[in-house]
Amino acid sequence: MRTASLNRELELFLAGVGATQSLWMALYSIFERKRDFRNLLLFIFFISITVRLTKSILWVYLDQSPLWFINIGFAAHALSGPALFLYAWHFLFEKRWSNWNLFHFLPALILLVGFKSFSLDEFWYAGGYTSLLTHQLVYSLLSLGILMIYSFNGNHKVLSRTAFMWIIALIVGTAVLQFLYFSNYMLGLTPYLLGPIIYLPFIYFLAFLLFKNPTIIKPNKGTKSQNIRLTEGELSEIANQLEVLMVSKKMYLDPNCTLGKVAHELRLPLYLVSHTVNNQIGKSFPDFLNGYRVEEIKKRLVHPDFTNNTIASIAYDCGFNTLSSFNIAFKKTTGTTPTRFQKKNKTV
């Protein structure tokens, strides 16, 4: 565990900078907490990483590290995995907090309670450290798993690019750190401080993203529409996708077209499409859909190919289920009745 092949001064500097930056991130998270448990989990994660990196530095550069601090460092290690997993889970899926989540922290609690009694030879070298490394690697894989599930389902489009890069860097960077600790002790492939050194660019990238968009860790108000972290430009792009879909596939001609079908076609969450229609386009979904139907009907009412079609049949062919809903929508859009519109605009 004490082996390291890099320059000692360089190792000390890089690992120390990483620990310091992680401490800054922890303090920033807690000051932005505002009773939001997600940022409390983020604080726990960063402070545990800070303690773990500091323990690694002292382990290498002190001839004799205090046993109590070694145990606290390992307890912090046990804390980091569950804290990140729960943060990622609630950041991505907006689940409500459950007190059952506290059981994830039980191993760390046991280590903290017994920080004066766990010895190196009789506990850590006898399987304790192996269990700890495996425990953390499992949590890293779980965090990567929920990130992949979230991405493959298309939900990542709900987040801004910055927010999505933030959670990717957080999970991947931590997974790399945990694997390199595992690789050093279990596989003997990497230097002991390689993990803290490789983690350095990740922690600085996270700091850059947080500086670029502090709202990443701002608490949300609780509703799904308020939780949307997209910029105006990104919402405008979704509005454009909606327009392209309507023009290219003419989904409005389907009398059973629903918001759910449109969301499925766009591979976007239903509430995001609803939010875009209501707030970006400024219409209710029925008005949005009927607007396209009325425009199609207006074209057919004056086109020679539909001279022998009744107004009712044109309305039904364009997606309306009843004549009453058609007449209301048509007059709301055009300010006149279908019959008057046809007489006024029909070419001879």
Protein backbone atom coordinates (compact mmCIF):
# COMPACT_ATOMS: atom_id res chain seq x y z
CA MET A 1 0.00 0.00 0.00
CA ARG A 2 2.87 2.43 0.60
CA THR A 3 4.47 2.03 -2.83
CA ALA A 4 4.58 4.98 -5.23
CA SER A 5 6.62 5.41 -8.35
CA LEU A 6 6.11 9.13 -9.01
CA ASN A 7 8.23 12.02 -7.77
CA ARG A 8 7.43 12.47 -4.07
CA GLU A 9 7.23 16.27 -4.17
CA LEU A 10 4.99 16.20 -7.23
CA GLU A 11 2.77 13.57 -5.61
CA LEU A 12 2.44 15.65 -2.46
CA PHE A 13 1.58 18.80 -4.39
CA LEU A 14 -1.00 17.23 -6.72
CA ALA A 15 -2.71 15.13 -4.05
CA GLY A 16 -2.74 18.10 -1.67
CA VAL A 17 -4.30 20.38 -4.29
CA GLY A 18 -6.98 17.78 -4.95
CA ALA A 19 -7.79 17.50 -1.24
CA THR A 20 -7.93 21.28 -0.88
CA GLN A 21 -10.21 21.69 -3.89
CA SER A 22 -12.49 18.96 -2.58
CA LEU A 23 -12.71 20.79 0.75
CA TRP A 24 -13.68 23.99 -1.06
CA MET A 25 -16.41 22.10 -2.93
CA ALA A 26 -17.71 20.68 0.35
CA LEU A 27 -17.92 24.12 1.94
CA TYR A 28 -19.59 25.60 -1.14
CA SER A 29 -22.15 22.80 -1.13
CA ILE A 30 -23.10 23.24 2.51
CA PHE A 31 -23.39 27.03 2.22
CA GLU A 32 -25.79 26.53 -0.70
CA ARG A 33 -27.76 23.83 1.08
CA LYS A 34 -30.88 25.83 2.08
CA ARG A 35 -32.54 22.77 3.61
CA ASP A 36 -32.04 20.73 0.46
CA PHE A 37 -30.93 17.21 1.30
CA ARG A 38 -29.24 16.73 -2.08
CA ASN A 39 -26.68 19.39 -1.31
CA LEU A 40 -26.23 17.94 2.17
CA LEU A 41 -25.38 14.62 0.50
CA LEU A 42 -22.99 16.49 -1.79
CA PHE A 43 -21.32 18.07 1.23
CA ILE A 44 -20.96 14.67 2.90
CA PHE A 45 -19.43 13.28 -0.28
CA PHE A 46 -16.87 16.05 -0.78
CA ILE A 47 -15.88 16.25 2.88
CA SER A 48 -15.41 12.47 2.99
CA ILE A 49 -13.23 12.65 -0.15
CA THR A 50 -11.22 15.44 1.49
CA VAL A 51 -10.57 13.33 4.59
CA ARG A 52 -9.79 10.26 2.49
CA LEU A 53 -7.26 12.09 0.31
CA THR A 54 -5.66 13.70 3.36
CA LYS A 55 -5.35 10.28 4.99
CA SER A 56 -3.65 8.95 1.84
CA ILE A 57 -1.13 11.81 1.85
CA LEU A 58 -0.26 11.31 5.52
CA TRP A 59 -0.03 7.55 5.05
CA VAL A 60 2.67 7.98 2.42
CA TYR A 61 4.58 10.92 3.87
CA LEU A 62 4.53 10.25 7.61
CA ASP A 63 6.58 7.44 9.05
CA GLN A 64 3.84 6.69 11.54
CA SER A 65 0.30 7.90 10.99
CA PRO A 66 -1.97 7.93 14.06
CA LEU A 67 -4.18 4.85 14.05
CA TRP A 68 -7.25 6.87 14.95
CA PHE A 69 -6.79 9.09 11.89
CA ILE A 70 -6.25 6.07 9.63
CA ASN A 71 -9.54 4.64 10.84
CA ILE A 72 -11.35 7.95 10.34
CA GLY A 73 -9.88 8.13 6.82
CA PHE A 74 -11.22 4.67 6.04
CA ALA A 75 -14.59 5.59 7.58
CA ALA A 76 -14.69 8.60 5.26
CA HIS A 77 -13.90 6.25 2.38
CA ALA A 78 -16.89 4.11 3.36
CA LEU A 79 -19.02 7.26 3.49
CA SER A 80 -18.17 8.59 0.03
CA GLY A 81 -19.71 5.80 -2.06
CA PRO A 82 -23.21 5.81 -0.53
CA ALA A 83 -23.25 9.63 -0.39
CA LEU A 84 -22.48 9.89 -4.10
CA PHE A 85 -24.92 7.13 -5.05
CA LEU A 86 -27.79 8.74 -3.13
CA TYR A 87 -26.93 12.19 -4.46
CA ALA A 88 -26.85 10.94 -8.05
CA TRP A 89 -30.08 8.99 -7.57
CA HIS A 90 -31.97 11.99 -6.22
CA PHE A 91 -30.30 14.46 -8.59
CA LEU A 92 -31.30 12.46 -11.67
CA PHE A 93 -34.67 11.05 -10.69
CA GLU A 94 -35.94 13.57 -8.12
CA LYS A 95 -37.00 10.92 -5.63
CA ARG A 96 -38.26 11.92 -2.22
CA TRP A 97 -35.94 11.28 0.67
CA SER A 98 -36.61 8.14 2.67
CA ASN A 99 -35.13 7.42 6.07
CA TRP A 100 -34.39 3.92 4.80
CA ASN A 101 -31.56 5.54 2.86
CA LEU A 102 -29.69 5.95 6.13
CA PHE A 103 -28.92 2.23 6.11
CA HIS A 104 -26.47 2.90 3.28
CA PHE A 105 -24.29 4.70 5.82
CA LEU A 106 -24.26 1.88 8.38
CA PRO A 107 -20.74 0.57 7.50
CA ALA A 108 -19.29 4.07 7.79
CA LEU A 109 -21.07 4.57 11.11
CA ILE A 110 -19.62 1.33 12.48
CA LEU A 111 -16.12 2.44 11.46
CA LEU A 112 -16.60 5.84 13.06
CA VAL A 113 -17.86 4.36 16.31
CA GLY A 114 -14.89 2.01 16.49
CA PHE A 115 -12.23 4.37 15.12
CA LYS A 116 -10.01 3.83 18.20
CA SER A 117 -10.12 0.04 18.14
CA PHE A 118 -9.64 -1.23 14.56
CA SER A 119 -5.99 -2.22 14.15
CA LEU A 120 -4.03 -2.58 10.92
CA ASP A 121 -2.85 -6.18 11.30
CA GLU A 122 -5.91 -7.66 12.98
CA PHE A 123 -8.58 -5.82 11.02
CA TRP A 124 -7.56 -3.88 7.92
CA TYR A 125 -4.90 -6.29 6.65
CA ALA A 126 -7.09 -9.23 7.70
CA GLY A 127 -9.80 -8.43 5.15
CA GLY A 128 -11.20 -5.12 6.37
CA TYR A 129 -9.54 -2.99 3.70
CA THR A 130 -10.44 -5.50 0.98
CA SER A 131 -14.09 -5.34 2.04
CA LEU A 132 -13.98 -1.54 2.11
CA LEU A 133 -12.52 -1.28 -1.40
CA THR A 134 -15.03 -3.79 -2.77
CA HIS A 135 -17.87 -2.00 -0.99
CA GLN A 136 -16.93 1.32 -2.62
CA LEU A 137 -16.38 -0.22 -6.04
CA VAL A 138 -19.90 -1.66 -5.90
CA TYR A 139 -21.35 1.77 -5.11
CA SER A 140 -19.37 3.27 -7.99
CA LEU A 141 -20.82 0.67 -10.35
CA LEU A 142 -24.32 1.36 -9.02
CA SER A 143 -23.85 5.09 -9.63
CA LEU A 144 -22.63 4.40 -13.16
CA GLY A 145 -25.60 2.09 -13.65
CA ILE A 146 -28.24 4.66 -12.77
CA LEU A 147 -26.44 7.20 -14.96
CA MET A 148 -26.62 4.79 -17.91
CA ILE A 149 -30.29 4.00 -17.26
CA TYR A 150 -31.07 7.70 -17.09
CA SER A 151 -29.18 8.40 -20.32
CA PHE A 152 -30.56 5.49 -22.35
CA ASN A 153 -34.13 6.46 -21.46
CA GLY A 154 -33.55 9.89 -22.98
CA ASN A 155 -34.09 11.66 -19.66
CA HIS A 156 -30.74 13.47 -19.95
CA LYS A 157 -32.46 15.90 -22.32
CA VAL A 158 -34.26 17.34 -19.27
CA LEU A 159 -30.95 18.59 -17.86
CA SER A 160 -28.90 21.40 -19.29
CA ARG A 161 -25.64 20.33 -20.91
CA THR A 162 -23.72 21.77 -17.96
CA ALA A 163 -25.81 19.89 -15.40
CA PHE A 164 -25.47 16.64 -17.33
CA MET A 165 -21.69 17.08 -17.67
CA TRP A 166 -21.59 17.82 -13.91
CA ILE A 167 -23.20 14.53 -12.89
CA ILE A 168 -21.15 12.57 -15.46
CA ALA A 169 -17.86 14.04 -14.23
CA LEU A 170 -18.85 13.50 -10.61
CA ILE A 171 -19.74 9.84 -11.06
CA VAL A 172 -17.01 8.89 -13.54
CA GLY A 173 -14.29 10.75 -11.63
CA THR A 174 -15.22 9.04 -8.39
CA ALA A 175 -15.42 5.65 -10.08
CA VAL A 176 -11.89 6.15 -11.43
CA LEU A 177 -10.66 7.14 -7.96
CA GLN A 178 -12.26 4.11 -6.31
CA PHE A 179 -10.96 1.75 -8.98
CA LEU A 180 -7.39 3.04 -8.65
CA TYR A 181 -7.47 2.48 -4.89
CA PHE A 182 -8.79 -1.01 -5.62
CA SER A 183 -6.15 -1.56 -8.30
CA ASN A 184 -3.32 -0.54 -5.97
CA TYR A 185 -4.17 -2.83 -3.08
CA MET A 186 -6.04 -5.72 -4.71
CA LEU A 187 -4.24 -5.94 -8.06
CA GLY A 188 -0.91 -4.25 -7.31
CA LEU A 189 -1.02 -2.44 -10.67
CA THR A 190 -0.99 1.25 -9.78
CA PRO A 191 0.83 3.58 -7.34
CA TYR A 192 -1.04 4.36 -4.14
CA LEU A 193 -1.41 8.09 -4.82
CA LEU A 194 -2.32 7.70 -8.48
CA GLY A 195 -6.00 7.83 -7.54
CA PRO A 196 -5.83 11.23 -5.82
CA ILE A 197 -3.67 12.57 -8.66
CA ILE A 198 -6.00 11.36 -11.43
CA TYR A 199 -8.96 12.73 -9.46
CA LEU A 200 -7.46 16.24 -9.59
CA PRO A 201 -8.61 17.17 -13.15
CA PHE A 202 -12.09 15.84 -12.38
CA ILE A 203 -12.45 17.97 -9.23
CA TYR A 204 -11.24 21.07 -11.07
CA PHE A 205 -13.59 20.39 -13.98
CA LEU A 206 -16.44 20.11 -11.47
CA ALA A 207 -15.41 23.42 -9.92
CA PHE A 208 -15.35 25.01 -13.38
CA LEU A 209 -18.87 23.74 -14.15
CA LEU A 210 -20.13 25.00 -10.79
CA PHE A 211 -18.55 28.40 -11.42
CA LYS A 212 -20.08 28.47 -14.90
CA ASN A 213 -23.56 27.54 -13.67
CA PRO A 214 -24.09 27.79 -9.88
CA THR A 215 -27.75 26.80 -10.33
CA ILE A 216 -26.58 23.19 -10.75
CA ILE A 217 -26.74 22.72 -6.99
CA LYS A 218 -29.52 25.17 -6.24
CA PRO A 219 -32.45 23.48 -4.48
CA ASN A 220 -35.53 22.90 -6.59
CA LYS A 221 -39.06 23.74 -5.53
CA GLY A 222 -40.50 20.29 -5.93
CA THR A 223 -42.61 20.23 -9.06
CA LYS A 224 -41.37 18.63 -12.22
CA SER A 225 -41.77 21.77 -14.33
CA GLN A 226 -39.79 23.80 -11.78
CA ASN A 227 -37.12 21.13 -11.81
CA ILE A 228 -36.36 21.55 -15.53
CA ARG A 229 -32.79 22.81 -15.79
CA LEU A 230 -32.79 23.74 -19.47
CA THR A 231 -31.83 27.12 -20.87
CA GLU A 232 -34.15 29.18 -23.05
CA GLY A 233 -32.11 28.15 -26.09
CA GLU A 234 -32.51 24.46 -25.27
CA LEU A 235 -36.26 24.84 -24.71
CA SER A 236 -36.49 26.67 -28.03
CA GLU A 237 -34.76 23.74 -29.68
CA ILE A 238 -37.39 21.37 -28.27
CA ALA A 239 -40.11 23.70 -29.56
CA ASN A 240 -38.49 23.51 -33.00
CA GLN A 241 -38.43 19.71 -32.77
CA LEU A 242 -42.15 19.78 -32.02
CA GLU A 243 -42.82 21.92 -35.07
CA VAL A 244 -40.71 19.70 -37.31
CA LEU A 245 -42.52 16.63 -36.00
CA MET A 246 -45.93 18.14 -36.73
CA VAL A 247 -44.94 19.28 -40.22
CA SER A 248 -43.08 16.12 -41.25
CA LYS A 249 -45.26 13.40 -39.74
CA LYS A 250 -48.53 15.32 -39.46
CA MET A 251 -49.41 13.66 -36.18
CA TYR A 252 -52.25 16.14 -35.75
CA LEU A 253 -54.23 14.23 -38.41
CA ASP A 254 -54.56 11.36 -35.93
CA PRO A 255 -57.79 11.95 -33.96
CA ASN A 256 -56.25 9.99 -31.08
CA CYS A 257 -53.05 12.02 -30.97
CA THR A 258 -52.10 12.72 -27.36
CA LEU A 259 -49.35 14.51 -25.51
CA GLY A 260 -47.98 11.11 -24.52
CA LYS A 261 -47.70 9.99 -28.16
CA VAL A 262 -45.88 13.19 -29.12
CA ALA A 263 -43.48 12.84 -26.17
CA HIS A 264 -42.81 9.22 -27.12
CA GLU A 265 -42.09 10.22 -30.71
CA LEU A 266 -39.61 12.87 -29.53
CA ARG A 267 -38.11 10.51 -26.92
CA LEU A 268 -38.65 13.13 -24.25
CA PRO A 269 -40.41 13.02 -20.85
CA LEU A 270 -44.07 13.91 -21.09
CA TYR A 271 -43.84 16.73 -18.56
CA LEU A 272 -40.97 18.34 -20.49
CA VAL A 273 -43.03 18.41 -23.70
CA SER A 274 -45.99 19.79 -21.75
CA HIS A 275 -43.75 22.47 -20.21
CA THR A 276 -42.41 23.45 -23.63
CA VAL A 277 -45.87 23.72 -25.19
CA ASN A 278 -47.31 25.68 -22.28
CA ASN A 279 -44.39 27.98 -21.53
CA GLN A 280 -42.22 28.14 -24.65
CA ILE A 281 -44.95 28.05 -27.29
CA GLY A 282 -47.54 29.63 -25.02
CA LYS A 283 -50.50 27.35 -25.75
CA SER A 284 -52.34 24.47 -24.18
CA PHE A 285 -51.68 21.16 -25.92
CA PRO A 286 -55.24 20.93 -27.42
CA ASP A 287 -54.88 24.47 -28.83
CA PHE A 288 -51.41 23.62 -30.13
CA LEU A 289 -52.73 20.50 -31.88
CA ASN A 290 -55.90 22.14 -33.19
CA GLY A 291 -53.88 25.00 -34.62
CA TYR A 292 -52.21 22.61 -37.06
CA ARG A 293 -55.54 20.92 -37.81
CA VAL A 294 -57.22 24.21 -38.63
CA GLU A 295 -54.37 25.25 -40.93
CA GLU A 296 -54.69 21.95 -42.79
CA ILE A 297 -58.45 22.39 -43.05
CA LYS A 298 -58.06 25.94 -44.39
CA LYS A 299 -55.87 24.60 -47.21
CA ARG A 300 -58.35 21.87 -48.10
CA LEU A 301 -61.38 24.16 -48.00
CA VAL A 302 -59.99 26.24 -50.86
CA HIS A 303 -58.15 23.51 -52.79
CA PRO A 304 -59.79 22.19 -56.02
CA ASP A 305 -59.00 18.59 -55.11
CA PHE A 306 -61.44 18.79 -52.18
CA THR A 307 -64.33 20.50 -53.98
CA ASN A 308 -66.58 17.46 -53.62
CA ASN A 309 -65.74 16.93 -49.94
CA THR A 310 -68.09 18.27 -47.32
CA ILE A 311 -66.75 20.53 -44.60
CA ALA A 312 -67.61 17.87 -42.02
CA SER A 313 -65.65 15.14 -43.81
CA ILE A 314 -62.63 17.44 -44.12
CA ALA A 315 -62.84 18.18 -40.40
CA TYR A 316 -62.94 14.51 -39.52
CA ASP A 317 -60.10 13.70 -41.92
CA CYS A 318 -57.95 16.35 -40.24
CA GLY A 319 -58.24 14.90 -36.77
CA PHE A 320 -61.35 16.38 -35.17
CA ASN A 321 -63.64 13.93 -33.41
CA THR A 322 -66.75 16.14 -33.28
CA LEU A 323 -68.14 18.99 -35.38
CA SER A 324 -68.73 21.12 -32.30
CA SER A 325 -65.07 20.99 -31.27
CA PHE A 326 -64.09 21.68 -34.88
CA ASN A 327 -66.33 24.74 -35.20
CA ILE A 328 -65.13 26.17 -31.88
CA ALA A 329 -61.46 25.64 -32.76
CA PHE A 330 -61.88 27.02 -36.29
CA LYS A 331 -63.60 30.22 -35.18
CA LYS A 332 -61.12 30.66 -32.32
CA THR A 333 -58.23 30.49 -34.77
CA THR A 334 -59.65 32.35 -37.78
CA GLY A 335 -62.36 34.57 -36.29
CA THR A 336 -64.94 33.26 -38.74
CA THR A 337 -66.93 30.13 -39.55
CA PRO A 338 -65.70 27.40 -41.94
CA THR A 339 -68.51 28.16 -44.43
CA ARG A 340 -67.77 31.88 -44.59
CA PHE A 341 -64.04 31.21 -44.86
CA GLN A 342 -64.61 28.84 -47.79
CA LYS A 343 -66.89 31.23 -49.66
CA LYS A 344 -64.50 34.13 -49.18
CA ASN A 345 -61.32 32.31 -50.17
CA LYS A 346 -62.32 29.55 -52.56
CA THR A 347 -60.81 29.93 -56.00
CA VAL A 348 -63.05 29.64 -59.03
